[in-house]
Amino acid sequence: MRASCRICSIFLRNFSLAAALTIVGAVSTPAWADAPELAPRTKIRLTIMQWMPTKGEYVPWALGGEFVVSEAGAISVPVIGTVTVGNLDKAQLAAEIAKRLQAKIGLVEAPETTVEIVEYPPVYVVGDVTTPGEYKFRPGLTVLQALAMSGGELRETSSGPPQDNITLIGELRGIDNAQLRSNARIARLQAEMSGAEEIAFAQPLNADTALVAAIQNQERIIFSTRANVVARQSKSLSELRDLLNQEIRVLEEKVKAAEASIETVERELKGVKTLVERGVAVASRQSDLERALANDRANRLDFVTAIMRARQNISETTRNLEGLYDNRQAEIASELQSEQATLEQLKLKRATMERLLFDRLSSTGDPEPRGGAATSFAIIRRGDGKIGEVPASETTALMPGDVVKVVARRMPRMSEPPLTRSMDPQPGQASQ
């Protein structure tokens, strides 16, 4: 009888705990303030347009493109640098960028700027679900919908390890290889941005040496190829500028020669006029000299115009040469930011899948029978630089980047047979 009472008390205590967790999960709501619209790891598209009265149309700027909000809540925009997103919405962020561009470039009117959300950070579902993992977020997503996307609650299966553990291990290896490539790409972009002659790779631990060498060789080839392209473009612009300078020197010599010819013709024309007035020379000679003088002056004007045009081309070539490096740095900075965001997502995905695999391996081979389950939900969310966990219900709305943890509290079955009384005599019976 004592054993039967002990089993009943354990059952009642587990049932009360599961019921309490169910009630808390049903009525509790995360006590967080509204999350920012542009959370970290959100991919946005920035469009900058300016009205051109001369063309009668809007002309897009090359500064726009796709950006990823960093973990610190900021984006790096060419020309104006880092812009803190914080709690700004799309319209406020667009207005802030337009205002900073107007102040930086000195425009009379701010350009037309828009911000669109291309992709939200994903949500993750872990715990007692059929298919844990990463899922695409959409506004209005609830805990119950996330549970449905992950295949619902984990059902009872036969004992033994799940067959998809091999798939998880293969995916983990694939993520490790992707991290190797991402780290090598980041090292190459950092070398390009700093102007280094070689790439300083960090040697990873416990990695395939042949694979690491192949990835690093590929990045070195890309590094040298891109450097050669920039060097060729720079050399071509420099040679064009030198050629224009030589052309200006030749034109200046022609101007001097034309001026000397003009002075000679003017002196000769002055003497011929005197002779014509005296009747010594004919008037046709004076007319020939006047035509030659006009021709020399026209040639001199053409040479001066050509010099001005060549100097204008030199200024344009110099701007192109300086803009070549500025545009290259802006492009590298954008690629580096995007690659760093990709690496952060890979790390988070690997940690989630590793925990998943650990939970599966630790939960296999349970020989004890299981009864009903009271499922509870919890949300792990990052806010104000901290990570917190609070209980949730099926109707709780999710935010981008949330991790939904599903826990099924197992209880003993109500149909378990009662323990049979032992055939050993009790102490009182023995004395009788």
Protein backbone atom coordinates (compact mmCIF):
# COMPACT_ATOMS: atom_id res chain seq x y z
CA MET A 1 0.00 0.00 0.00
CA ARG A 2 2.83 2.42 0.75
CA ALA A 3 4.26 1.85 -2.75
CA SER A 4 0.83 2.47 -4.31
CA CYS A 5 0.38 5.73 -2.38
CA ARG A 6 3.87 6.89 -3.38
CA ILE A 7 3.04 6.28 -7.10
CA CYS A 8 -0.25 8.16 -6.72
CA SER A 9 1.44 11.14 -5.06
CA ILE A 10 4.09 11.32 -7.81
CA PHE A 11 1.36 11.18 -10.48
CA LEU A 12 -0.67 13.95 -8.81
CA ARG A 13 2.41 16.14 -8.40
CA ASN A 14 3.42 15.71 -12.08
CA PHE A 15 -0.14 16.30 -13.23
CA SER A 16 -0.40 19.49 -11.17
CA LEU A 17 2.92 20.78 -12.50
CA ALA A 18 1.93 20.07 -16.12
CA ALA A 19 -1.47 21.70 -15.64
CA ALA A 20 0.13 24.78 -14.08
CA LEU A 21 2.57 25.07 -16.97
CA THR A 22 -0.30 24.77 -19.45
CA ILE A 23 -2.26 27.53 -17.70
CA VAL A 24 0.78 29.81 -17.53
CA GLY A 25 1.52 29.17 -21.22
CA ALA A 26 -2.08 29.94 -22.13
CA VAL A 27 -2.40 33.31 -20.31
CA SER A 28 1.17 34.63 -20.21
CA THR A 29 2.37 37.13 -22.75
CA PRO A 30 5.98 38.31 -23.16
CA ALA A 31 6.45 41.54 -21.22
CA TRP A 32 8.56 43.17 -23.90
CA ALA A 33 8.06 46.51 -25.52
CA ASP A 34 7.31 46.63 -29.22
CA ALA A 35 10.32 45.34 -31.12
CA PRO A 36 11.87 47.64 -33.74
CA GLU A 37 10.60 47.28 -37.29
CA LEU A 38 14.16 46.93 -38.61
CA ALA A 39 15.61 44.29 -36.28
CA PRO A 40 19.22 43.06 -36.59
CA ARG A 41 19.89 40.77 -39.61
CA THR A 42 16.99 42.39 -41.53
CA LYS A 43 17.84 42.80 -45.23
CA ILE A 44 16.60 46.10 -46.67
CA ARG A 45 16.68 47.75 -50.10
CA LEU A 46 17.67 51.43 -50.23
CA THR A 47 16.57 53.48 -53.27
CA ILE A 48 17.79 57.05 -53.80
CA MET A 49 16.35 59.19 -56.60
CA GLN A 50 16.84 62.83 -57.56
CA TRP A 51 14.72 64.99 -59.84
CA MET A 52 16.67 66.34 -62.82
CA PRO A 53 14.85 69.40 -64.26
CA THR A 54 17.02 69.34 -67.40
CA LYS A 55 15.88 65.79 -68.24
CA GLY A 56 12.40 66.02 -66.75
CA GLU A 57 12.75 62.70 -64.91
CA TYR A 58 14.02 61.07 -61.70
CA VAL A 59 17.56 59.71 -61.92
CA PRO A 60 18.63 56.90 -59.53
CA TRP A 61 21.83 57.20 -57.51
CA ALA A 62 24.49 54.50 -57.44
CA LEU A 63 24.61 54.65 -53.62
CA GLY A 64 21.44 52.56 -53.27
CA GLY A 65 21.29 48.80 -53.01
CA GLU A 66 20.63 46.05 -50.48
CA PHE A 67 21.97 46.31 -46.94
CA VAL A 68 21.79 44.07 -43.87
CA VAL A 69 21.20 45.55 -40.41
CA SER A 70 24.11 44.48 -38.21
CA GLU A 71 23.83 42.96 -34.74
CA ALA A 72 24.61 46.44 -33.36
CA GLY A 73 21.54 47.82 -35.18
CA ALA A 74 23.28 49.86 -37.90
CA ILE A 75 24.00 49.90 -41.63
CA SER A 76 26.99 51.26 -43.52
CA VAL A 77 26.01 53.51 -46.44
CA PRO A 78 28.69 54.75 -48.86
CA VAL A 79 29.59 58.47 -48.60
CA ILE A 80 27.76 59.08 -45.27
CA GLY A 81 29.17 56.09 -43.36
CA THR A 82 27.44 54.24 -40.51
CA VAL A 83 23.76 55.00 -39.89
CA THR A 84 22.25 53.78 -36.61
CA VAL A 85 18.87 52.17 -37.20
CA GLY A 86 17.80 51.68 -33.58
CA ASN A 87 14.02 51.99 -33.24
CA LEU A 88 13.54 53.87 -36.52
CA ASP A 89 10.93 52.60 -38.96
CA LYS A 90 11.37 52.52 -42.75
CA ALA A 91 10.15 56.08 -43.35
CA GLN A 92 12.24 57.55 -40.51
CA LEU A 93 15.38 55.74 -41.69
CA ALA A 94 14.83 56.96 -45.27
CA ALA A 95 14.39 60.54 -44.02
CA GLU A 96 17.56 60.30 -41.89
CA ILE A 97 19.64 59.04 -44.83
CA ALA A 98 18.26 61.75 -47.14
CA LYS A 99 19.04 64.47 -44.58
CA ARG A 100 22.61 63.24 -44.08
CA LEU A 101 23.19 62.99 -47.83
CA GLN A 102 21.92 66.56 -48.28
CA ALA A 103 24.26 67.84 -45.56
CA LYS A 104 27.23 65.77 -46.78
CA ILE A 105 27.04 66.68 -50.48
CA GLY A 106 25.60 70.18 -50.04
CA LEU A 107 22.40 69.72 -52.02
CA VAL A 108 19.69 72.38 -52.13
CA GLU A 109 16.98 69.75 -51.73
CA ALA A 110 17.19 66.34 -50.12
CA PRO A 111 17.00 63.39 -52.57
CA GLU A 112 13.96 61.13 -52.71
CA THR A 113 14.86 58.15 -50.51
CA THR A 114 12.86 54.97 -49.81
CA VAL A 115 13.57 51.91 -47.65
CA GLU A 116 11.95 48.51 -48.30
CA ILE A 117 12.25 45.31 -46.29
CA VAL A 118 13.53 42.53 -48.55
CA GLU A 119 13.83 39.73 -46.02
CA TYR A 120 13.14 39.40 -42.29
CA PRO A 121 15.44 37.43 -39.95
CA PRO A 122 14.19 33.84 -39.68
CA VAL A 123 12.57 32.24 -36.64
CA TYR A 124 13.74 28.97 -35.11
CA VAL A 125 11.65 26.16 -33.63
CA VAL A 126 13.36 23.72 -31.26
CA GLY A 127 12.32 21.11 -28.74
CA ASP A 128 9.63 18.47 -28.97
CA VAL A 129 8.56 19.07 -32.58
CA THR A 130 8.66 16.83 -35.64
CA THR A 131 11.00 18.98 -37.75
CA PRO A 132 13.00 21.50 -35.70
CA GLY A 133 14.98 24.10 -37.58
CA GLU A 134 14.95 27.51 -39.23
CA TYR A 135 11.80 28.93 -40.86
CA LYS A 136 11.03 32.08 -42.82
CA PHE A 137 9.35 34.86 -40.86
CA ARG A 138 6.33 36.84 -42.01
CA PRO A 139 4.43 39.57 -40.15
CA GLY A 140 1.67 38.22 -37.95
CA LEU A 141 3.30 34.80 -37.40
CA THR A 142 2.15 33.14 -34.15
CA VAL A 143 3.55 30.33 -32.02
CA LEU A 144 0.89 27.90 -33.25
CA GLN A 145 1.68 28.68 -36.90
CA ALA A 146 5.39 28.17 -36.24
CA LEU A 147 4.55 24.84 -34.62
CA ALA A 148 2.58 23.87 -37.72
CA MET A 149 5.49 24.80 -40.00
CA SER A 150 7.77 22.53 -37.97
CA GLY A 151 5.44 19.55 -38.43
CA GLY A 152 3.58 19.74 -35.14
CA GLU A 153 4.42 18.12 -31.81
CA LEU A 154 6.78 15.18 -31.71
CA ARG A 155 4.83 11.91 -31.73
CA GLU A 156 5.75 8.69 -30.05
CA THR A 157 8.04 6.51 -32.16
CA SER A 158 9.64 3.17 -31.71
CA SER A 159 12.82 2.95 -29.70
CA GLY A 160 16.14 3.44 -31.40
CA PRO A 161 18.00 6.44 -32.91
CA PRO A 162 16.04 8.58 -35.48
CA GLN A 163 17.05 8.01 -39.07
CA ASP A 164 17.50 11.71 -39.85
CA ASN A 165 20.42 12.11 -37.42
CA ILE A 166 22.74 11.29 -40.32
CA THR A 167 21.15 14.11 -42.30
CA LEU A 168 21.74 16.53 -39.42
CA ILE A 169 25.39 15.51 -39.19
CA GLY A 170 25.79 16.05 -42.93
CA GLU A 171 24.18 19.47 -42.68
CA LEU A 172 26.49 20.40 -39.81
CA ARG A 173 29.50 19.48 -41.95
CA GLY A 174 28.09 21.56 -44.79
CA ILE A 175 27.69 24.55 -42.45
CA ASP A 176 31.29 24.11 -41.24
CA ASN A 177 32.53 24.19 -44.85
CA ALA A 178 30.41 27.26 -45.56
CA GLN A 179 31.93 28.98 -42.52
CA LEU A 180 35.43 28.19 -43.82
CA ARG A 181 34.60 29.82 -47.15
CA SER A 182 32.95 32.80 -45.48
CA ASN A 183 35.94 33.40 -43.18
CA ALA A 184 38.34 33.20 -46.13
CA ARG A 185 36.20 35.62 -48.13
CA ILE A 186 36.11 38.09 -45.22
CA ALA A 187 39.91 37.91 -44.90
CA ARG A 188 40.27 38.66 -48.62
CA LEU A 189 37.86 41.63 -48.47
CA GLN A 190 39.66 43.05 -45.42
CA ALA A 191 42.98 42.78 -47.28
CA GLU A 192 41.49 44.58 -50.30
CA MET A 193 40.08 47.35 -48.12
CA SER A 194 43.37 47.94 -46.28
CA GLY A 195 45.40 47.85 -49.50
CA ALA A 196 47.55 44.92 -48.34
CA GLU A 197 49.65 43.03 -50.85
CA GLU A 198 48.77 39.61 -49.39
CA ILE A 199 45.86 38.02 -47.54
CA ALA A 200 46.35 37.17 -43.87
CA PHE A 201 44.29 34.01 -43.36
CA ALA A 202 43.46 32.73 -39.86
CA GLN A 203 44.23 29.02 -39.74
CA PRO A 204 41.12 27.12 -38.53
CA LEU A 205 41.40 24.31 -36.01
CA ASN A 206 40.25 20.73 -36.65
CA ALA A 207 39.52 21.38 -40.31
CA ASP A 208 40.34 19.48 -43.48
CA THR A 209 43.77 20.75 -44.51
CA ALA A 210 43.21 20.06 -48.21
CA LEU A 211 39.85 21.84 -48.24
CA VAL A 212 41.27 24.86 -46.38
CA ALA A 213 44.18 25.10 -48.84
CA ALA A 214 41.83 24.91 -51.84
CA ILE A 215 39.54 27.63 -50.45
CA GLN A 216 42.48 29.93 -49.66
CA ASN A 217 43.98 29.43 -53.12
CA GLN A 218 40.67 30.39 -54.73
CA GLU A 219 40.51 33.58 -52.67
CA ARG A 220 44.11 34.43 -53.59
CA ILE A 221 43.26 34.07 -57.29
CA ILE A 222 40.24 36.38 -56.87
CA PHE A 223 42.38 38.85 -54.90
CA SER A 224 45.10 39.05 -57.55
CA THR A 225 42.61 39.21 -60.44
CA ARG A 226 40.65 42.09 -58.95
CA ALA A 227 43.86 43.94 -58.08
CA ASN A 228 45.07 43.54 -61.67
CA VAL A 229 41.79 44.91 -63.02
CA VAL A 230 42.04 48.02 -60.87
CA ALA A 231 45.72 48.46 -61.75
CA ARG A 232 44.97 48.23 -65.48
CA GLN A 233 42.17 50.76 -65.24
CA SER A 234 44.36 53.11 -63.21
CA LYS A 235 47.24 52.76 -65.68
CA SER A 236 44.94 53.44 -68.64
CA LEU A 237 43.58 56.63 -67.06
CA SER A 238 47.08 57.81 -66.09
CA GLU A 239 48.37 57.25 -69.63
CA LEU A 240 45.40 59.15 -71.05
CA ARG A 241 46.14 62.07 -68.75
CA ASP A 242 49.83 62.10 -69.80
CA LEU A 243 48.81 62.02 -73.46
CA LEU A 244 46.51 64.99 -72.95
CA ASN A 245 49.31 66.93 -71.24
CA GLN A 246 51.59 66.27 -74.22
CA GLU A 247 48.84 67.41 -76.55
CA ILE A 248 48.52 70.66 -74.59
CA ARG A 249 52.28 71.30 -74.86
CA VAL A 250 52.17 70.78 -78.66
CA LEU A 251 49.17 73.10 -78.98
CA GLU A 252 50.93 75.77 -76.90
CA GLU A 253 53.90 75.65 -79.32
CA LYS A 254 51.48 76.06 -82.21
CA VAL A 255 49.93 79.07 -80.48
CA LYS A 256 53.37 80.65 -80.13
CA ALA A 257 54.10 80.02 -83.81
CA ALA A 258 50.73 81.51 -84.80
CA GLU A 259 51.36 84.60 -82.66
CA ALA A 260 54.80 85.09 -84.24
CA SER A 261 53.27 84.78 -87.73
CA ILE A 262 50.56 87.29 -86.78
CA GLU A 263 53.17 89.83 -85.62
CA THR A 264 55.15 89.39 -88.84
CA VAL A 265 52.09 89.82 -91.06
CA GLU A 266 50.95 92.85 -89.08
CA ARG A 267 54.32 94.58 -89.54
CA GLU A 268 54.37 93.75 -93.25
CA LEU A 269 50.76 94.91 -93.65
CA LYS A 270 51.58 98.22 -91.98
CA GLY A 271 54.42 98.87 -94.44
CA VAL A 272 52.33 97.86 -97.47
CA LYS A 273 49.54 100.23 -96.42
CA THR A 274 52.03 103.12 -96.45
CA LEU A 275 53.26 102.13 -99.89
CA VAL A 276 49.71 101.77 -101.20
CA GLU A 277 48.85 105.25 -99.91
CA ARG A 278 51.88 106.64 -101.76
CA GLY A 279 50.96 104.71 -104.91
CA VAL A 280 54.11 102.62 -104.91
CA ALA A 281 52.41 99.22 -104.19
CA VAL A 282 49.21 97.77 -105.57
CA ALA A 283 46.09 97.28 -103.39
CA SER A 284 45.94 93.53 -104.11
CA ARG A 285 49.07 93.02 -102.05
CA GLN A 286 47.36 94.65 -99.07
CA SER A 287 44.31 92.42 -99.51
CA ASP A 288 46.47 89.26 -99.57
CA LEU A 289 48.17 90.26 -96.33
CA GLU A 290 44.86 91.01 -94.61
CA ARG A 291 43.51 87.55 -95.58
CA ALA A 292 46.71 85.88 -94.27
CA LEU A 293 46.39 87.83 -91.00
CA ALA A 294 42.77 86.73 -90.55
CA ASN A 295 43.72 83.09 -91.26
CA ASP A 296 46.56 83.20 -88.69
CA ARG A 297 44.25 84.67 -86.03
CA ALA A 298 41.61 81.96 -86.74
CA ASN A 299 44.27 79.24 -86.39
CA ARG A 300 45.42 80.72 -83.10
CA LEU A 301 41.82 80.73 -81.80
CA ASP A 302 41.42 77.05 -82.81
CA PHE A 303 44.60 76.13 -80.95
CA VAL A 304 43.45 77.95 -77.78
CA THR A 305 40.05 76.20 -77.97
CA ALA A 306 41.76 72.81 -78.34
CA ILE A 307 43.92 73.55 -75.29
CA MET A 308 40.84 74.36 -73.21
CA ARG A 309 39.14 71.16 -74.37
CA ALA A 310 42.23 69.09 -73.50
CA ARG A 311 42.41 70.63 -70.01
CA GLN A 312 38.74 69.78 -69.50
CA ASN A 313 39.46 66.18 -70.50
CA ILE A 314 42.38 66.10 -68.05
CA SER A 315 40.07 67.21 -65.22
CA GLU A 316 37.52 64.54 -66.13
CA THR A 317 40.22 61.86 -66.32
CA THR A 318 41.54 62.90 -62.90
CA ARG A 319 38.04 62.64 -61.39
CA ASN A 320 37.59 59.20 -62.93
CA LEU A 321 40.96 58.10 -61.56
CA GLU A 322 40.09 59.26 -58.04
CA GLY A 323 36.54 57.86 -58.26
CA LEU A 324 37.93 54.48 -59.34
CA TYR A 325 39.38 53.86 -55.88
CA ASP A 326 36.44 55.46 -54.03
CA ASN A 327 33.90 53.29 -55.84
CA ARG A 328 36.06 50.23 -55.28
CA GLN A 329 36.25 50.90 -51.53
CA ALA A 330 32.49 51.41 -51.32
CA GLU A 331 31.88 48.14 -53.19
CA ILE A 332 34.28 46.23 -50.93
CA ALA A 333 32.67 47.70 -47.79
CA SER A 334 29.21 46.61 -48.95
CA GLU A 335 30.43 43.07 -49.77
CA LEU A 336 32.24 42.83 -46.41
CA GLN A 337 29.14 43.85 -44.46
CA SER A 338 26.97 41.35 -46.32
CA GLU A 339 29.49 38.53 -45.82
CA GLN A 340 29.80 39.24 -42.08
CA ALA A 341 26.01 39.06 -41.75
CA THR A 342 26.05 35.73 -43.63
CA LEU A 343 28.70 34.37 -41.26
CA GLU A 344 26.64 35.37 -38.22
CA GLN A 345 23.61 33.56 -39.62
CA LEU A 346 25.72 30.45 -40.26
CA LYS A 347 26.98 30.47 -36.66
CA LEU A 348 23.47 30.79 -35.29
CA LYS A 349 22.18 28.05 -37.57
CA ARG A 350 25.01 25.71 -36.59
CA ALA A 351 24.44 26.28 -32.87
CA THR A 352 20.73 25.56 -33.30
CA MET A 353 21.29 22.36 -35.28
CA GLU A 354 24.01 21.17 -32.91
CA ARG A 355 21.66 21.57 -29.96
CA LEU A 356 19.00 19.79 -31.95
CA LEU A 357 21.22 16.83 -32.64
CA PHE A 358 22.25 16.68 -28.98
CA ASP A 359 18.61 16.65 -27.85
CA ARG A 360 17.77 13.86 -30.29
CA LEU A 361 20.71 11.71 -29.30
CA SER A 362 20.01 12.18 -25.59
CA SER A 363 16.29 11.37 -25.95
CA THR A 364 16.64 8.09 -27.91
CA GLY A 365 16.33 4.65 -26.36
CA ASP A 366 13.86 5.62 -23.56
CA PRO A 367 12.41 2.24 -22.56
CA GLU A 368 9.80 3.63 -20.19
CA PRO A 369 6.23 4.00 -21.49
CA ARG A 370 4.92 7.56 -21.79
CA GLY A 371 1.44 8.80 -21.16
CA GLY A 372 -0.27 12.06 -22.12
CA ALA A 373 1.59 15.36 -22.56
CA ALA A 374 0.95 18.95 -21.49
CA THR A 375 2.83 21.07 -24.03
CA SER A 376 4.32 24.38 -22.96
CA PHE A 377 5.90 27.08 -25.10
CA ALA A 378 8.64 29.60 -24.44
CA ILE A 379 10.15 32.32 -26.60
CA ILE A 380 13.85 33.18 -26.50
CA ARG A 381 14.24 36.72 -27.77
CA ARG A 382 17.00 39.29 -27.93
CA GLY A 383 16.14 42.82 -26.81
CA ASP A 384 18.21 45.78 -25.66
CA GLY A 385 21.39 43.75 -26.09
CA LYS A 386 20.16 40.94 -23.78
CA ILE A 387 18.66 37.50 -24.36
CA GLY A 388 15.60 36.58 -22.32
CA GLU A 389 13.17 33.69 -22.12
CA VAL A 390 9.49 34.03 -21.21
CA PRO A 391 6.52 31.62 -21.41
CA ALA A 392 4.13 31.97 -24.32
CA SER A 393 0.84 30.61 -25.62
CA GLU A 394 -0.28 29.37 -29.01
CA THR A 395 -1.59 32.83 -29.95
CA THR A 396 1.53 34.77 -28.98
CA ALA A 397 2.85 36.82 -31.92
CA LEU A 398 6.45 36.21 -32.92
CA MET A 399 9.15 38.71 -33.82
CA PRO A 400 11.95 38.27 -36.39
CA GLY A 401 14.80 36.22 -34.96
CA ASP A 402 12.73 34.57 -32.18
CA VAL A 403 13.51 31.04 -31.01
CA VAL A 404 10.37 29.05 -30.08
CA LYS A 405 11.05 26.28 -27.58
CA VAL A 406 8.42 23.54 -27.38
CA VAL A 407 8.44 21.28 -24.32
CA ALA A 408 6.07 18.34 -23.91
CA ARG A 409 5.69 17.49 -20.22
CA ARG A 410 5.15 13.71 -20.05
CA MET A 411 2.80 12.21 -17.45
CA PRO A 412 2.19 8.59 -16.39
CA ARG A 413 -0.66 6.81 -18.14
CA MET A 414 -3.95 6.57 -16.30
CA SER A 415 -4.38 2.94 -17.42
CA GLU A 416 -1.21 1.68 -15.76
CA PRO A 417 -2.02 -1.52 -13.77
CA PRO A 418 -1.82 -1.20 -9.98
CA LEU A 419 1.03 -2.86 -8.16
CA THR A 420 0.17 -6.38 -6.85
CA ARG A 421 0.57 -7.04 -3.19
CA SER A 422 3.72 -8.84 -2.29
CA MET A 423 3.46 -12.46 -1.27
CA ASP A 424 6.00 -11.93 1.50
CA PRO A 425 4.33 -11.84 4.90
CA GLN A 426 4.21 -8.55 6.78
CA PRO A 427 5.87 -8.38 10.18
CA GLY A 428 2.49 -8.46 11.95
CA GLN A 429 1.32 -11.48 9.95
CA ALA A 430 4.48 -13.36 10.69
CA SER A 431 3.95 -12.91 14.40
CA GLN A 432 0.38 -14.14 14.03
